[in-house]
């Protein structure tokens, strides 16, 4: 169990730590973009083709 926790700690440290290849501020933008739509759905625009202009098919009789 300790080995699994140590490995997890090393992975997290490699991603977010001071010696990581990606700086900490580069992780902020994706998280903000992902959660902004969840926290403020009326402010964030809908993605293109989200059903805003499509109509249902007419049934043939």
C-alpha atoms as a PDB file:
ATOM      1  CA  UNK A   1       0.000   0.000   0.000  1.00  0.00           C
ATOM      2  CA  UNK A   2       2.856   2.375   0.799  1.00  0.00           C
ATOM      3  CA  UNK A   3       4.380   1.679  -2.600  1.00  0.00           C
ATOM      4  CA  UNK A   4       1.159   2.731  -4.347  1.00  0.00           C
ATOM      5  CA  UNK A   5       0.963   5.942  -2.319  1.00  0.00           C
ATOM      6  CA  UNK A   6       4.610   6.736  -2.996  1.00  0.00           C
ATOM      7  CA  UNK A   7       4.113   6.212  -6.730  1.00  0.00           C
ATOM      8  CA  UNK A   8       1.010   8.425  -6.708  1.00  0.00           C
ATOM      9  CA  UNK A   9       2.881  11.134  -4.827  1.00  0.00           C
ATOM     10  CA  UNK A  10       5.725  10.992  -7.351  1.00  0.00           C
ATOM     11  CA  UNK A  11       3.324  11.297 -10.287  1.00  0.00           C
ATOM     12  CA  UNK A  12       1.527  14.277  -8.755  1.00  0.00           C
ATOM     13  CA  UNK A  13       4.839  15.892  -7.872  1.00  0.00           C
ATOM     14  CA  UNK A  14       6.083  15.373 -11.436  1.00  0.00           C
ATOM     15  CA  UNK A  15       2.952  17.010 -12.875  1.00  0.00           C
ATOM     16  CA  UNK A  16       2.502  19.909 -10.455  1.00  0.00           C
ATOM     17  CA  UNK A  17       5.787  20.167  -8.534  1.00  0.00           C
ATOM     18  CA  UNK A  18       8.514  22.775  -8.851  1.00  0.00           C
ATOM     19  CA  UNK A  19      10.541  20.575 -11.241  1.00  0.00           C
ATOM     20  CA  UNK A  20       7.649  19.802 -13.582  1.00  0.00           C
ATOM     21  CA  UNK A  21       7.901  20.405 -17.322  1.00  0.00           C
ATOM     22  CA  UNK A  22       4.601  22.305 -17.327  1.00  0.00           C
ATOM     23  CA  UNK A  23       4.459  25.439 -15.124  1.00  0.00           C
ATOM     24  CA  UNK A  24       1.698  25.733 -12.526  1.00  0.00           C
ATOM     25  CA  UNK A  25      -0.031  28.604 -14.319  1.00  0.00           C
ATOM     26  CA  UNK A  26      -0.439  26.506 -17.460  1.00  0.00           C
ATOM     27  CA  UNK A  27      -2.681  24.112 -15.514  1.00  0.00           C
ATOM     28  CA  UNK A  28      -4.991  26.942 -14.422  1.00  0.00           C
ATOM     29  CA  UNK A  29      -6.474  27.804 -17.846  1.00  0.00           C
ATOM     30  CA  UNK A  30      -7.850  24.325 -18.691  1.00  0.00           C
ATOM     31  CA  UNK A  31      -9.382  23.965 -15.244  1.00  0.00           C
ATOM     32  CA  UNK A  32     -10.965  27.417 -15.452  1.00  0.00           C
ATOM     33  CA  UNK A  33     -12.357  26.706 -18.922  1.00  0.00           C
ATOM     34  CA  UNK A  34     -13.766  23.339 -17.871  1.00  0.00           C
ATOM     35  CA  UNK A  35     -15.343  24.464 -14.617  1.00  0.00           C
ATOM     36  CA  UNK A  36     -16.498  27.907 -15.777  1.00  0.00           C
ATOM     37  CA  UNK A  37     -19.139  26.263 -17.954  1.00  0.00           C
ATOM     38  CA  UNK A  38     -20.295  24.191 -14.984  1.00  0.00           C
ATOM     39  CA  UNK A  39     -20.311  27.056 -12.490  1.00  0.00           C
ATOM     40  CA  UNK A  40     -21.691  29.770 -14.789  1.00  0.00           C
ATOM     41  CA  UNK A  41     -23.739  28.120 -17.565  1.00  0.00           C
ATOM     42  CA  UNK A  42     -25.488  31.338 -18.581  1.00  0.00           C
ATOM     43  CA  UNK A  43     -22.230  33.275 -19.021  1.00  0.00           C
ATOM     44  CA  UNK A  44     -20.273  30.700 -21.025  1.00  0.00           C
ATOM     45  CA  UNK A  45     -21.394  30.314 -24.657  1.00  0.00           C
ATOM     46  CA  UNK A  46     -22.724  26.996 -25.941  1.00  0.00           C
ATOM     47  CA  UNK A  47     -20.377  24.984 -28.128  1.00  0.00           C
ATOM     48  CA  UNK A  48     -21.016  25.126 -31.866  1.00  0.00           C
ATOM     49  CA  UNK A  49     -23.698  22.705 -32.994  1.00  0.00           C
ATOM     50  CA  UNK A  50     -25.164  22.154 -29.556  1.00  0.00           C
ATOM     51  CA  UNK A  51     -28.641  21.789 -30.991  1.00  0.00           C
ATOM     52  CA  UNK A  52     -29.459  25.481 -31.104  1.00  0.00           C
ATOM     53  CA  UNK A  53     -30.344  25.530 -34.809  1.00  0.00           C
ATOM     54  CA  UNK A  54     -31.386  21.987 -35.577  1.00  0.00           C
ATOM     55  CA  UNK A  55     -34.974  20.928 -35.909  1.00  0.00           C
ATOM     56  CA  UNK A  56     -36.365  17.472 -35.390  1.00  0.00           C
ATOM     57  CA  UNK A  57     -37.244  15.319 -38.357  1.00  0.00           C
ATOM     58  CA  UNK A  58     -40.817  15.444 -39.544  1.00  0.00           C
ATOM     59  CA  UNK A  59     -42.671  12.187 -39.300  1.00  0.00           C
ATOM     60  CA  UNK A  60     -43.991  10.732 -42.542  1.00  0.00           C
ATOM     61  CA  UNK A  61     -47.559   9.559 -42.544  1.00  0.00           C
END
